[in-house]
Protein backbone atom coordinates (compact mmCIF):
# COMPACT_ATOMS: atom_id res chain seq x y z
CA MET A 1 -0.06 0.21 0.22
CA ASP A 2 1.45 2.95 -1.08
CA PHE A 3 2.24 5.53 1.75
CA MET A 4 -0.50 8.27 2.61
CA GLN A 5 1.26 11.62 4.28
CA ASN A 6 -0.76 12.76 7.38
CA ILE A 7 -0.93 16.91 7.16
CA ALA A 8 -2.40 18.64 9.60
CA ILE A 9 -3.64 22.41 8.72
CA ILE A 10 -3.62 24.26 11.81
CA LEU A 11 -6.83 27.05 11.08
CA SER A 12 -5.66 30.34 12.60
CA GLY A 13 -7.16 33.12 10.47
CA GLY A 14 -9.99 34.28 12.90
CA MET A 15 -9.65 37.78 14.52
CA GLY A 16 -11.31 36.34 17.32
CA THR A 17 -13.69 39.64 18.04
CA ARG A 18 -15.63 37.85 20.47
CA MET A 19 -12.88 37.58 22.98
CA GLY A 20 -13.51 41.54 23.37
CA ASP A 21 -9.45 41.96 23.16
CA THR A 22 -7.32 43.67 20.66
CA ILE A 23 -4.99 40.50 20.29
CA PRO A 24 -6.53 37.66 18.64
CA LYS A 25 -7.81 34.38 21.25
CA GLN A 26 -4.90 32.28 19.37
CA PHE A 27 -2.50 34.50 20.86
CA PHE A 28 -3.89 34.47 24.04
CA LYS A 29 -1.42 33.05 26.25
CA VAL A 30 -2.14 30.32 28.69
CA ALA A 31 -0.21 28.05 31.01
CA GLY A 32 3.08 29.74 29.65
CA LYS A 33 2.62 29.47 26.24
CA THR A 34 -0.05 31.46 23.39
CA VAL A 35 -3.04 29.53 22.71
CA ILE A 36 -2.08 28.51 19.40
CA GLU A 37 1.53 27.16 20.16
CA HIS A 38 0.23 24.46 22.57
CA THR A 39 -1.87 23.74 19.19
CA VAL A 40 0.89 22.90 17.15
CA ASP A 41 2.99 21.43 20.17
CA ALA A 42 0.44 18.92 19.85
CA PHE A 43 0.29 17.96 16.19
CA GLU A 44 4.29 18.17 16.32
CA GLN A 45 4.55 15.96 18.86
CA ASN A 46 2.20 13.56 17.05
CA LYS A 47 4.12 10.14 15.51
CA ASN A 48 1.27 9.94 13.20
CA ILE A 49 1.65 13.37 11.67
CA ASP A 50 4.35 14.31 9.05
CA GLU A 51 3.99 17.63 8.19
CA ILE A 52 2.14 20.71 9.59
CA ALA A 53 0.57 23.81 8.29
CA ILE A 54 -0.41 26.86 9.93
CA VAL A 55 -3.22 29.48 8.14
CA ILE A 56 -2.83 32.66 9.80
CA ASN A 57 -4.33 35.87 9.09
CA PRO A 58 -1.74 37.86 6.81
CA LEU A 59 -1.10 40.57 9.63
CA PHE A 60 0.71 37.79 12.07
CA VAL A 61 2.54 35.77 9.60
CA SER A 62 5.75 36.87 10.78
CA THR A 63 4.30 36.35 14.51
CA ILE A 64 3.95 32.60 13.42
CA GLU A 65 7.66 32.58 11.81
CA ASN A 66 8.96 33.47 14.98
CA MET A 67 7.40 31.05 16.75
CA GLN A 68 8.53 28.59 14.35
CA ILE A 69 12.15 29.40 15.15
CA SER A 70 11.48 29.66 19.18
CA ASN A 71 9.93 26.63 19.22
CA ARG A 72 11.89 24.62 17.17
CA TRP A 73 8.71 23.19 15.00
CA GLU A 74 10.08 20.69 12.33
CA LYS A 75 7.27 19.38 11.05
CA VAL A 76 5.31 23.61 10.02
CA LYS A 77 6.46 23.20 6.38
CA LYS A 78 4.01 26.01 5.15
CA ILE A 79 2.64 29.30 6.63
CA LEU A 80 -0.48 30.35 4.46
CA ASN A 81 -2.48 33.36 4.69
CA GLY A 82 -5.94 32.89 6.05
CA GLY A 83 -9.26 33.67 3.96
CA GLU A 84 -11.72 36.50 5.56
CA HIS A 85 -14.25 33.46 6.58
CA ARG A 86 -13.22 29.76 7.36
CA TYR A 87 -14.03 28.22 4.60
CA GLU A 88 -11.51 30.24 2.44
CA SER A 89 -8.52 29.26 5.03
CA SER A 90 -9.40 25.65 4.13
CA LEU A 91 -9.61 25.73 0.65
CA ASN A 92 -6.27 27.91 0.37
CA ALA A 93 -4.91 24.82 2.55
CA ILE A 94 -6.72 22.58 -0.47
CA ASN A 95 -4.81 24.48 -3.06
CA ALA A 96 -1.66 24.82 -1.49
CA TYR A 97 -1.09 20.81 -1.36
CA SER A 98 -2.99 20.38 -4.88
CA ASN A 99 0.08 19.16 -6.58
CA LEU A 100 0.85 16.94 -4.11
CA GLY A 101 -1.20 14.06 -5.03
CA ASP A 102 -3.52 12.35 -2.65
CA CYS A 103 -2.72 12.90 0.80
CA ASN A 104 -4.82 13.28 4.25
CA LEU A 105 -5.41 16.44 5.39
CA ILE A 106 -6.78 16.88 8.95
CA PHE A 107 -7.84 19.85 9.92
CA HIS A 108 -7.82 22.08 13.29
CA ASP A 109 -9.53 24.67 15.23
CA ALA A 110 -5.85 26.28 16.46
CA VAL A 111 -8.18 27.72 19.45
CA ARG A 112 -8.16 23.91 20.76
CA PRO A 113 -5.00 23.25 22.24
CA LEU A 114 -6.14 20.22 24.50
CA VAL A 115 -6.34 18.32 21.54
CA THR A 116 -5.00 14.79 22.50
CA GLN A 117 -2.88 12.42 21.01
CA ARG A 118 -5.35 9.63 21.38
CA ILE A 119 -7.90 12.20 19.13
CA ILE A 120 -5.43 12.84 16.41
CA ASP A 121 -4.50 9.03 16.22
CA ASP A 122 -7.98 7.70 15.93
CA VAL A 123 -8.34 10.24 13.12
CA VAL A 124 -5.39 8.76 11.79
CA ILE A 125 -6.62 5.47 11.81
CA ALA A 126 -10.12 5.84 10.82
CA LEU A 127 -8.58 7.75 7.41
CA LYS A 128 -7.18 4.43 6.69
CA SER A 129 -10.90 3.23 6.07
CA TYR A 130 -12.95 6.26 5.81
CA ASN A 131 -12.61 9.41 3.44
CA ALA A 132 -13.68 12.01 5.59
CA VAL A 133 -13.77 11.81 9.66
CA ASP A 134 -15.09 14.35 12.06
CA VAL A 135 -14.97 14.14 15.81
CA ALA A 136 -17.42 14.76 18.24
CA ILE A 137 -18.94 13.83 21.64
CA PRO A 138 -22.66 13.36 22.60
CA ALA A 139 -25.10 15.97 24.02
CA THR A 140 -25.42 16.43 27.27
CA ASP A 141 -28.12 19.00 27.23
CA THR A 142 -31.56 19.15 25.66
CA ILE A 143 -31.44 20.81 22.25
CA ILE A 144 -33.98 23.20 21.20
CA GLN A 145 -34.72 24.17 17.82
CA THR A 146 -36.28 27.89 17.16
CA ASN A 147 -38.19 29.86 14.98
CA ASP A 148 -36.71 32.47 13.25
CA ASN A 149 -35.83 34.95 15.73
CA GLY A 150 -35.21 32.83 18.38
CA GLN A 151 -38.16 33.67 20.65
CA PHE A 152 -40.21 30.34 20.40
CA ILE A 153 -39.54 26.57 20.75
CA THR A 154 -40.70 24.76 17.56
CA ASN A 155 -39.22 21.28 18.23
CA ILE A 156 -36.96 19.54 20.44
CA PRO A 157 -34.56 16.83 19.04
CA ASP A 158 -33.99 13.41 20.23
CA ARG A 159 -30.73 13.91 22.24
CA LYS A 160 -29.88 10.31 21.75
CA TYR A 161 -28.92 11.22 17.40
CA LEU A 162 -27.12 14.73 18.37
CA GLN A 163 -23.64 15.17 19.00
CA ARG A 164 -21.21 18.29 19.09
CA SER A 165 -18.98 18.27 16.24
CA GLN A 166 -15.32 19.44 17.54
CA THR A 167 -11.83 19.63 15.51
CA PRO A 168 -9.59 17.71 13.72
CA GLN A 169 -11.42 17.24 10.86
CA GLY A 170 -9.88 14.11 8.71
CA PHE A 171 -10.27 14.20 5.14
CA LYS A 172 -8.51 12.45 1.47
CA LEU A 173 -7.34 15.31 -0.35
CA SER A 174 -9.16 14.19 -3.37
CA VAL A 175 -12.66 14.29 -1.54
CA ILE A 176 -12.77 17.23 0.21
CA ALA A 177 -11.22 19.10 -3.28
CA GLU A 178 -14.01 17.49 -4.62
CA ALA A 179 -16.59 18.73 -1.81
CA TYR A 180 -15.51 22.25 -2.71
CA LYS A 181 -15.39 22.15 -6.22
CA ASN A 182 -19.07 21.60 -6.03
CA ALA A 183 -19.61 23.89 -3.13
CA LEU A 184 -18.04 26.70 -5.02
CA GLN A 185 -20.67 26.16 -8.00
CA ASP A 186 -23.47 26.87 -5.68
CA VAL A 187 -24.78 30.04 -5.84
CA ASN A 188 -26.53 29.51 -2.76
CA PHE A 189 -23.32 28.05 -0.41
CA MET A 190 -23.21 28.63 2.81
CA ALA A 191 -20.12 27.30 4.84
CA THR A 192 -20.21 25.63 8.44
CA ASP A 193 -17.37 23.66 8.91
CA ASP A 194 -15.70 21.54 6.51
CA CYS A 195 -17.27 17.79 7.39
CA GLY A 196 -20.72 19.91 6.47
CA ILE A 197 -19.29 20.67 3.04
CA VAL A 198 -18.43 16.97 2.15
CA LEU A 199 -22.00 16.06 3.95
CA ARG A 200 -24.09 18.69 1.58
CA TYR A 201 -21.86 18.08 -1.72
CA LEU A 202 -20.69 14.40 -1.55
CA PRO A 203 -23.79 13.12 0.19
CA ASN A 204 -23.18 9.61 -0.63
CA GLU A 205 -19.58 10.08 1.15
CA LYS A 206 -19.84 8.31 4.63
CA ILE A 207 -18.12 10.91 7.93
CA PHE A 208 -17.05 8.37 10.65
CA ILE A 209 -17.03 9.97 13.69
CA VAL A 210 -14.45 9.65 16.41
CA ARG A 211 -15.22 10.18 19.74
CA GLY A 212 -13.74 13.38 20.92
CA GLU A 213 -13.39 14.63 24.88
CA GLU A 214 -15.08 17.22 27.26
CA SER A 215 -11.17 18.74 27.14
CA ASN A 216 -10.86 19.45 23.47
CA MET A 217 -12.89 22.52 24.13
CA LYS A 218 -12.77 25.52 21.99
CA LEU A 219 -11.78 28.83 22.94
CA THR A 220 -14.43 31.30 21.92
CA TYR A 221 -14.95 33.79 24.92
CA LYS A 222 -12.31 35.89 27.57
CA GLU A 223 -13.69 33.53 30.15
CA ASP A 224 -13.07 30.23 28.59
CA THR A 225 -9.06 31.22 29.02
CA PHE A 226 -9.60 30.79 33.11
CA LEU A 227 -10.87 26.77 32.49
CA LEU A 228 -8.37 26.11 30.09
CA ASP A 229 -5.74 27.40 32.35
CA LYS A 230 -7.28 24.74 34.75
CA LEU A 231 -7.15 21.86 32.33
CA PHE A 232 -3.98 22.49 31.30
CA SER A 233 -2.55 22.08 35.12
CA ILE A 234 -4.88 19.17 35.51
CA THR A 235 -3.34 17.31 32.79
CA ALA A 236 0.01 18.28 33.89
CA LEU A 237 -0.08 16.16 37.32
């Protein structure tokens, strides 16, 4: 069987406006390092990851270059410009590897710094059998569906069918590239995440679910940094 490269794509193009701070949330310091440094470290240390590409807002390319030097990241081979929207950042990464031949692209939010080695390993293993892989955990709260203005409940889906999607999300390059090709031909195209694009534009492609972790949380609000700091303290024990 031909060797299939596993390339981690760290998506860090956002400016983090919900943090209410002048610094993007991926550069916020937690447990002695910036959030993005913790995230890249996780993939740098994983034995199954062959290469890393960081997709970043063009304003912060030099910041990442300096981090690459100071952290001695050997697997970081590309620093790519992020787009205005998340899907544009993913597409930039897809295009950057379009001449490589087929490989596995493993997309991960830069603001999920506590991704475990087990999760990364399980995604890589699943990509040996499936072309698209998500990471998710069961929904523990009751989820309600509302009307357009969000004032009234219209449906309460059965919780046993609901899970909360996380990252990383992994794909064969050929599959995610085809999904985006189809998506960009749709005048009503609206992106949620990369698995959502595969689900909508390659509906016959099965998307396998790897079990996530509650600790694999996404830094969204400033208050989340305190919880992340506590979680890093726990995992260090």
